[in-house]
Amino acid sequence: MARHSRGFDTAAAHAHLQQDRRLARWMQRIGPIAPDPRWRRSFDPVDALARSILYQQLSGKAAATITGRVEDAIGSRRLHADTLGRVDDATLRACGVSGNKVLALRDLSRREADGGIPGPRKLAWMDEQAIIDALVAVRGIGRWTVEMMLMFRLGRPDVLPVDDLGIRKGLQAVDGLEALPTAREAAARGVRWGPYRTYAGLYLWRIADEASGKGGAPTPRSQE
């Protein structure tokens, strides 16, 4: 089993994707997408998952406010089993955390304490599907959330989150489709972009924003 590095050669990815003429036209219009600086920063998977839970189904501003309250309540900027364990459920609810999210945070904490959440070193030796399988077991964590972690934090080069509406809208614009492609159709279309489907996904989100007239304000993604 090979060790996976964080990040990839975006210049090589750009050159590879240029072979798709329809996508290449949009890439030229948007310009190169630089490597994500977070690929080189330290990464704490438990904290990242906890924040993903807190941010679900909320605007960024509201989620940031609630997360700040939780950090103040636990007396730490690190969301882990030991720090979250400093407060009871009622305190978390008073911070604005929903009942379902409290249950999800407690499940995450329990799994962390039991060794069920792989740390950064172990993640480096796991393939994408193994990481997804390990983390979707956590209450409140779905495949899409893990895919965002794989793309934005672990820098895996070949991840295409076909359940994401923005990805499919971007593909619809690239191919000039009347109807939104299904997840299965998007997956089939994306095969030719391998092994750089992550980079293609970054463009598809930009393309979706451009096509909807929001080119100056990219849609925020989980983990961003």
C-alpha atoms as a PDB file:
ATOM      1  CA  MET A   1       0.000   0.000   0.000  1.00  0.00           C
ATOM      2  CA  ALA A   2       1.434   3.374  -1.052  1.00  0.00           C
ATOM      3  CA  ARG A   3       1.558   6.459   1.129  1.00  0.00           C
ATOM      4  CA  HIS A   4      -0.570   9.316  -0.173  1.00  0.00           C
ATOM      5  CA  SER A   5       0.907  12.792  -0.180  1.00  0.00           C
ATOM      6  CA  ARG A   6      -1.252  15.816   0.543  1.00  0.00           C
ATOM      7  CA  GLY A   7      -1.832  17.830  -2.597  1.00  0.00           C
ATOM      8  CA  PHE A   8      -0.898  17.260  -6.218  1.00  0.00           C
ATOM      9  CA  ASP A   9       0.726  18.913  -9.222  1.00  0.00           C
ATOM     10  CA  THR A  10      -1.929  21.346 -10.433  1.00  0.00           C
ATOM     11  CA  ALA A  11       0.095  22.201 -13.538  1.00  0.00           C
ATOM     12  CA  ALA A  12       0.036  18.546 -14.578  1.00  0.00           C
ATOM     13  CA  ALA A  13      -3.664  18.382 -13.762  1.00  0.00           C
ATOM     14  CA  HIS A  14      -4.305  21.506 -15.847  1.00  0.00           C
ATOM     15  CA  ALA A  15      -2.446  20.069 -18.834  1.00  0.00           C
ATOM     16  CA  HIS A  16      -4.306  16.761 -18.561  1.00  0.00           C
ATOM     17  CA  LEU A  17      -7.745  18.344 -18.422  1.00  0.00           C
ATOM     18  CA  GLN A  18      -6.974  20.528 -21.446  1.00  0.00           C
ATOM     19  CA  GLN A  19      -7.482  17.381 -23.533  1.00  0.00           C
ATOM     20  CA  ASP A  20     -11.218  17.760 -22.928  1.00  0.00           C
ATOM     21  CA  ARG A  21     -12.012  20.501 -25.444  1.00  0.00           C
ATOM     22  CA  ARG A  22     -15.351  21.477 -23.917  1.00  0.00           C
ATOM     23  CA  LEU A  23     -13.878  21.788 -20.446  1.00  0.00           C
ATOM     24  CA  ALA A  24     -10.737  23.469 -21.821  1.00  0.00           C
ATOM     25  CA  ARG A  25     -12.777  26.383 -23.200  1.00  0.00           C
ATOM     26  CA  TRP A  26     -14.095  27.134 -19.708  1.00  0.00           C
ATOM     27  CA  MET A  27     -10.668  26.613 -18.141  1.00  0.00           C
ATOM     28  CA  GLN A  28      -9.206  29.233 -20.452  1.00  0.00           C
ATOM     29  CA  ARG A  29     -11.981  31.635 -19.514  1.00  0.00           C
ATOM     30  CA  ILE A  30     -11.504  31.105 -15.762  1.00  0.00           C
ATOM     31  CA  GLY A  31      -7.722  30.776 -15.711  1.00  0.00           C
ATOM     32  CA  PRO A  32      -5.490  28.403 -13.709  1.00  0.00           C
ATOM     33  CA  ILE A  33      -6.576  27.380 -10.208  1.00  0.00           C
ATOM     34  CA  ALA A  34      -3.650  27.514  -7.797  1.00  0.00           C
ATOM     35  CA  PRO A  35      -2.776  24.767  -5.290  1.00  0.00           C
ATOM     36  CA  ASP A  36      -4.752  25.046  -2.066  1.00  0.00           C
ATOM     37  CA  PRO A  37      -2.448  26.313   0.733  1.00  0.00           C
ATOM     38  CA  ARG A  38      -4.303  24.130   3.252  1.00  0.00           C
ATOM     39  CA  TRP A  39      -2.723  21.065   1.678  1.00  0.00           C
ATOM     40  CA  ARG A  40       0.488  22.055   3.463  1.00  0.00           C
ATOM     41  CA  ARG A  41      -1.034  23.003   6.812  1.00  0.00           C
ATOM     42  CA  SER A  42      -1.420  20.745   9.823  1.00  0.00           C
ATOM     43  CA  PHE A  43      -4.701  18.886   9.807  1.00  0.00           C
ATOM     44  CA  ASP A  44      -6.829  17.598  12.670  1.00  0.00           C
ATOM     45  CA  PRO A  45      -9.548  15.252  11.323  1.00  0.00           C
ATOM     46  CA  VAL A  46     -11.614  15.134  14.536  1.00  0.00           C
ATOM     47  CA  ASP A  47     -11.751  18.918  14.831  1.00  0.00           C
ATOM     48  CA  ALA A  48     -12.557  19.219  11.107  1.00  0.00           C
ATOM     49  CA  LEU A  49     -15.417  16.722  11.388  1.00  0.00           C
ATOM     50  CA  ALA A  50     -16.813  18.453  14.470  1.00  0.00           C
ATOM     51  CA  ARG A  51     -16.825  21.772  12.640  1.00  0.00           C
ATOM     52  CA  SER A  52     -18.469  20.178   9.611  1.00  0.00           C
ATOM     53  CA  ILE A  53     -21.250  18.950  11.880  1.00  0.00           C
ATOM     54  CA  LEU A  54     -21.731  22.401  13.393  1.00  0.00           C
ATOM     55  CA  TYR A  55     -21.814  24.073   9.980  1.00  0.00           C
ATOM     56  CA  GLN A  56     -24.390  21.753   8.415  1.00  0.00           C
ATOM     57  CA  GLN A  57     -27.563  23.422   7.078  1.00  0.00           C
ATOM     58  CA  LEU A  58     -26.573  26.857   8.358  1.00  0.00           C
ATOM     59  CA  SER A  59     -25.248  30.022   6.781  1.00  0.00           C
ATOM     60  CA  GLY A  60     -21.551  30.575   7.335  1.00  0.00           C
ATOM     61  CA  LYS A  61     -22.181  33.518   9.641  1.00  0.00           C
ATOM     62  CA  ALA A  62     -24.676  31.682  11.851  1.00  0.00           C
ATOM     63  CA  ALA A  63     -22.472  28.590  12.038  1.00  0.00           C
ATOM     64  CA  ALA A  64     -19.408  30.663  12.939  1.00  0.00           C
ATOM     65  CA  THR A  65     -21.346  32.335  15.752  1.00  0.00           C
ATOM     66  CA  ILE A  66     -22.501  29.004  17.212  1.00  0.00           C
ATOM     67  CA  THR A  67     -19.034  27.479  16.854  1.00  0.00           C
ATOM     68  CA  GLY A  68     -17.544  30.460  18.679  1.00  0.00           C
ATOM     69  CA  ARG A  69     -20.006  29.959  21.526  1.00  0.00           C
ATOM     70  CA  VAL A  70     -19.063  26.280  21.763  1.00  0.00           C
ATOM     71  CA  GLU A  71     -15.365  27.164  21.850  1.00  0.00           C
ATOM     72  CA  ASP A  72     -16.003  29.656  24.651  1.00  0.00           C
ATOM     73  CA  ALA A  73     -18.059  27.109  26.578  1.00  0.00           C
ATOM     74  CA  ILE A  74     -15.401  24.393  26.412  1.00  0.00           C
ATOM     75  CA  GLY A  75     -12.533  26.853  26.873  1.00  0.00           C
ATOM     76  CA  SER A  76     -10.679  25.649  23.786  1.00  0.00           C
ATOM     77  CA  ARG A  77     -10.391  26.207  20.038  1.00  0.00           C
ATOM     78  CA  ARG A  78      -9.848  22.455  19.660  1.00  0.00           C
ATOM     79  CA  LEU A  79     -13.044  20.398  19.292  1.00  0.00           C
ATOM     80  CA  HIS A  80     -12.260  16.913  20.576  1.00  0.00           C
ATOM     81  CA  ALA A  81     -13.648  14.290  22.927  1.00  0.00           C
ATOM     82  CA  ASP A  82     -11.708  15.696  25.881  1.00  0.00           C
ATOM     83  CA  THR A  83     -12.745  19.322  25.318  1.00  0.00           C
ATOM     84  CA  LEU A  84     -16.356  18.665  24.300  1.00  0.00           C
ATOM     85  CA  GLY A  85     -16.620  16.420  27.351  1.00  0.00           C
ATOM     86  CA  ARG A  86     -16.170  19.464  29.575  1.00  0.00           C
ATOM     87  CA  VAL A  87     -19.786  20.531  28.992  1.00  0.00           C
ATOM     88  CA  ASP A  88     -23.119  18.735  29.133  1.00  0.00           C
ATOM     89  CA  ASP A  89     -25.714  18.512  26.389  1.00  0.00           C
ATOM     90  CA  ALA A  90     -27.779  21.336  27.829  1.00  0.00           C
ATOM     91  CA  THR A  91     -24.805  23.690  27.564  1.00  0.00           C
ATOM     92  CA  LEU A  92     -24.271  22.782  23.934  1.00  0.00           C
ATOM     93  CA  ARG A  93     -27.958  23.347  23.231  1.00  0.00           C
ATOM     94  CA  ALA A  94     -27.698  26.756  24.908  1.00  0.00           C
ATOM     95  CA  CYS A  95     -24.905  27.589  22.454  1.00  0.00           C
ATOM     96  CA  GLY A  96     -27.380  27.021  19.628  1.00  0.00           C
ATOM     97  CA  VAL A  97     -26.399  23.461  18.717  1.00  0.00           C
ATOM     98  CA  SER A  98     -29.432  21.422  17.633  1.00  0.00           C
ATOM     99  CA  GLY A  99     -30.346  18.177  19.353  1.00  0.00           C
ATOM    100  CA  ASN A 100     -29.322  16.090  16.346  1.00  0.00           C
ATOM    101  CA  LYS A 101     -25.959  17.841  16.158  1.00  0.00           C
ATOM    102  CA  VAL A 102     -25.360  17.271  19.864  1.00  0.00           C
ATOM    103  CA  LEU A 103     -25.932  13.562  19.280  1.00  0.00           C
ATOM    104  CA  ALA A 104     -23.560  13.669  16.312  1.00  0.00           C
ATOM    105  CA  LEU A 105     -20.836  15.413  18.338  1.00  0.00           C
ATOM    106  CA  ARG A 106     -21.200  12.861  21.123  1.00  0.00           C
ATOM    107  CA  ASP A 107     -20.955   9.992  18.643  1.00  0.00           C
ATOM    108  CA  LEU A 108     -17.838  11.555  17.110  1.00  0.00           C
ATOM    109  CA  SER A 109     -16.327  11.946  20.589  1.00  0.00           C
ATOM    110  CA  ARG A 110     -17.110   8.343  21.488  1.00  0.00           C
ATOM    111  CA  ARG A 111     -15.566   7.037  18.300  1.00  0.00           C
ATOM    112  CA  GLU A 112     -12.492   9.177  18.801  1.00  0.00           C
ATOM    113  CA  ALA A 113     -12.070   7.864  22.350  1.00  0.00           C
ATOM    114  CA  ASP A 114     -12.435   4.291  21.039  1.00  0.00           C
ATOM    115  CA  GLY A 115      -9.801   4.866  18.358  1.00  0.00           C
ATOM    116  CA  GLY A 116     -12.336   4.779  15.553  1.00  0.00           C
ATOM    117  CA  ILE A 117     -11.278   8.051  13.896  1.00  0.00           C
ATOM    118  CA  PRO A 118      -8.018   7.673  11.949  1.00  0.00           C
ATOM    119  CA  GLY A 119      -5.420  10.338  12.613  1.00  0.00           C
ATOM    120  CA  PRO A 120      -3.397  12.183   9.947  1.00  0.00           C
ATOM    121  CA  ARG A 121      -0.643   9.578   9.781  1.00  0.00           C
ATOM    122  CA  LYS A 122      -3.071   6.704   9.309  1.00  0.00           C
ATOM    123  CA  LEU A 123      -5.106   8.669   6.758  1.00  0.00           C
ATOM    124  CA  ALA A 124      -1.972   9.038   4.629  1.00  0.00           C
ATOM    125  CA  TRP A 125      -1.905   5.260   4.124  1.00  0.00           C
ATOM    126  CA  MET A 126      -5.621   4.865   3.403  1.00  0.00           C
ATOM    127  CA  ASP A 127      -7.248   5.121  -0.009  1.00  0.00           C
ATOM    128  CA  GLU A 128     -10.228   7.379  -0.587  1.00  0.00           C
ATOM    129  CA  GLN A 129     -12.925   4.730  -0.265  1.00  0.00           C
ATOM    130  CA  ALA A 130     -11.426   3.389   2.960  1.00  0.00           C
ATOM    131  CA  ILE A 131     -11.505   6.904   4.434  1.00  0.00           C
ATOM    132  CA  ILE A 132     -15.103   7.396   3.340  1.00  0.00           C
ATOM    133  CA  ASP A 133     -16.123   4.049   4.824  1.00  0.00           C
ATOM    134  CA  ALA A 134     -14.427   4.859   8.142  1.00  0.00           C
ATOM    135  CA  LEU A 135     -15.893   8.341   8.562  1.00  0.00           C
ATOM    136  CA  VAL A 136     -19.469   7.971   7.289  1.00  0.00           C
ATOM    137  CA  ALA A 137     -19.999   5.655  10.245  1.00  0.00           C
ATOM    138  CA  VAL A 138     -20.063   8.801  12.389  1.00  0.00           C
ATOM    139  CA  ARG A 139     -23.574  10.093  13.010  1.00  0.00           C
ATOM    140  CA  GLY A 140     -24.220  13.204  10.924  1.00  0.00           C
ATOM    141  CA  ILE A 141     -21.280  12.631   8.554  1.00  0.00           C
ATOM    142  CA  GLY A 142     -22.175  11.722   4.987  1.00  0.00           C
ATOM    143  CA  ARG A 143     -20.164  10.902   1.907  1.00  0.00           C
ATOM    144  CA  TRP A 144     -20.209  14.502   0.651  1.00  0.00           C
ATOM    145  CA  THR A 145     -18.646  15.832   3.859  1.00  0.00           C
ATOM    146  CA  VAL A 146     -15.828  13.302   3.644  1.00  0.00           C
ATOM    147  CA  GLU A 147     -15.300  14.077  -0.038  1.00  0.00           C
ATOM    148  CA  MET A 148     -14.871  17.760   0.832  1.00  0.00           C
ATOM    149  CA  MET A 149     -12.247  16.764   3.401  1.00  0.00           C
ATOM    150  CA  LEU A 150     -10.484  14.615   0.818  1.00  0.00           C
ATOM    151  CA  MET A 151     -10.387  17.488  -1.664  1.00  0.00           C
ATOM    152  CA  PHE A 152      -9.776  20.564   0.458  1.00  0.00           C
ATOM    153  CA  ARG A 153      -7.809  19.243   3.421  1.00  0.00           C
ATOM    154  CA  LEU A 154      -6.090  16.053   2.283  1.00  0.00           C
ATOM    155  CA  GLY A 155      -5.530  17.214  -1.288  1.00  0.00           C
ATOM    156  CA  ARG A 156      -6.399  13.904  -2.906  1.00  0.00           C
ATOM    157  CA  PRO A 157      -6.197  14.374  -6.683  1.00  0.00           C
ATOM    158  CA  ASP A 158      -8.947  12.097  -7.984  1.00  0.00           C
ATOM    159  CA  VAL A 159     -12.188  12.845  -6.111  1.00  0.00           C
ATOM    160  CA  LEU A 160     -15.349  13.943  -7.935  1.00  0.00           C
ATOM    161  CA  PRO A 161     -18.349  14.511  -5.611  1.00  0.00           C
ATOM    162  CA  VAL A 162     -21.075  13.694  -8.104  1.00  0.00           C
ATOM    163  CA  ASP A 163     -23.870  14.128  -5.548  1.00  0.00           C
ATOM    164  CA  ASP A 164     -22.976  17.815  -5.310  1.00  0.00           C
ATOM    165  CA  LEU A 165     -25.461  20.013  -7.158  1.00  0.00           C
ATOM    166  CA  GLY A 166     -22.783  22.539  -8.148  1.00  0.00           C
ATOM    167  CA  ILE A 167     -20.667  19.832  -9.765  1.00  0.00           C
ATOM    168  CA  ARG A 168     -23.584  18.671 -11.865  1.00  0.00           C
ATOM    169  CA  LYS A 169     -24.621  22.226 -12.766  1.00  0.00           C
ATOM    170  CA  GLY A 170     -21.060  22.910 -13.892  1.00  0.00           C
ATOM    171  CA  LEU A 171     -21.107  19.795 -16.058  1.00  0.00           C
ATOM    172  CA  GLN A 172     -24.456  20.824 -17.490  1.00  0.00           C
ATOM    173  CA  ALA A 173     -22.893  24.119 -18.600  1.00  0.00           C
ATOM    174  CA  VAL A 174     -19.744  22.461 -19.989  1.00  0.00           C
ATOM    175  CA  ASP A 175     -21.684  20.036 -22.155  1.00  0.00           C
ATOM    176  CA  GLY A 176     -24.570  22.392 -22.967  1.00  0.00           C
ATOM    177  CA  LEU A 177     -27.152  19.989 -21.599  1.00  0.00           C
ATOM    178  CA  GLU A 178     -30.827  20.892 -21.334  1.00  0.00           C
ATOM    179  CA  ALA A 179     -31.363  18.736 -18.252  1.00  0.00           C
ATOM    180  CA  LEU A 180     -29.215  18.455 -15.175  1.00  0.00           C
ATOM    181  CA  PRO A 181     -27.101  15.276 -15.429  1.00  0.00           C
ATOM    182  CA  THR A 182     -27.676  12.587 -12.826  1.00  0.00           C
ATOM    183  CA  ALA A 183     -24.977  11.581 -10.384  1.00  0.00           C
ATOM    184  CA  ARG A 184     -24.405   8.412 -12.400  1.00  0.00           C
ATOM    185  CA  GLU A 185     -24.070  10.371 -15.621  1.00  0.00           C
ATOM    186  CA  ALA A 186     -21.646  12.794 -13.972  1.00  0.00           C
ATOM    187  CA  ALA A 187     -19.543   9.898 -12.694  1.00  0.00           C
ATOM    188  CA  ALA A 188     -19.397   8.348 -16.157  1.00  0.00           C
ATOM    189  CA  ARG A 189     -18.480  11.681 -17.756  1.00  0.00           C
ATOM    190  CA  GLY A 190     -15.754  12.239 -15.186  1.00  0.00           C
ATOM    191  CA  VAL A 191     -13.889   9.012 -15.897  1.00  0.00           C
ATOM    192  CA  ARG A 192     -11.875  10.703 -18.644  1.00  0.00           C
ATOM    193  CA  TRP A 193     -10.632  13.323 -16.171  1.00  0.00           C
ATOM    194  CA  GLY A 194      -8.896  10.794 -13.972  1.00  0.00           C
ATOM    195  CA  PRO A 195      -6.465  10.839 -12.255  1.00  0.00           C
ATOM    196  CA  TYR A 196      -7.239  14.530 -11.685  1.00  0.00           C
ATOM    197  CA  ARG A 197     -10.967  14.576 -11.060  1.00  0.00           C
ATOM    198  CA  THR A 198     -10.480  16.790  -8.006  1.00  0.00           C
ATOM    199  CA  TYR A 199      -9.076  19.546 -10.198  1.00  0.00           C
ATOM    200  CA  ALA A 200     -11.934  19.085 -12.641  1.00  0.00           C
ATOM    201  CA  GLY A 201     -14.360  19.449  -9.745  1.00  0.00           C
ATOM    202  CA  LEU A 202     -12.769  22.746  -8.710  1.00  0.00           C
ATOM    203  CA  TYR A 203     -13.406  24.016 -12.208  1.00  0.00           C
ATOM    204  CA  LEU A 204     -16.963  22.686 -12.356  1.00  0.00           C
ATOM    205  CA  TRP A 205     -17.865  24.682  -9.243  1.00  0.00           C
ATOM    206  CA  ARG A 206     -16.377  27.826 -10.787  1.00  0.00           C
ATOM    207  CA  ILE A 207     -18.180  27.114 -14.034  1.00  0.00           C
ATOM    208  CA  ALA A 208     -21.492  26.678 -12.215  1.00  0.00           C
ATOM    209  CA  ASP A 209     -20.993  30.067 -10.561  1.00  0.00           C
ATOM    210  CA  GLU A 210     -20.076  31.687 -13.888  1.00  0.00           C
ATOM    211  CA  ALA A 211     -23.054  30.154 -15.657  1.00  0.00           C
ATOM    212  CA  SER A 212     -25.431  31.378 -12.945  1.00  0.00           C
ATOM    213  CA  GLY A 213     -24.025  34.906 -13.040  1.00  0.00           C
ATOM    214  CA  LYS A 214     -22.191  34.587  -9.710  1.00  0.00           C
ATOM    215  CA  GLY A 215     -18.707  34.545 -11.206  1.00  0.00           C
ATOM    216  CA  GLY A 216     -17.450  37.191  -8.793  1.00  0.00           C
ATOM    217  CA  ALA A 217     -18.700  35.359  -5.697  1.00  0.00           C
ATOM    218  CA  PRO A 218     -17.790  31.652  -5.674  1.00  0.00           C
ATOM    219  CA  THR A 219     -20.138  29.461  -3.663  1.00  0.00           C
ATOM    220  CA  PRO A 220     -18.474  28.422  -0.361  1.00  0.00           C
ATOM    221  CA  ARG A 221     -17.873  24.686   0.091  1.00  0.00           C
ATOM    222  CA  SER A 222     -17.586  22.621   3.239  1.00  0.00           C
ATOM    223  CA  GLN A 223     -13.999  22.642   4.582  1.00  0.00           C
ATOM    224  CA  GLU A 224     -13.336  26.010   2.926  1.00  0.00           C
END
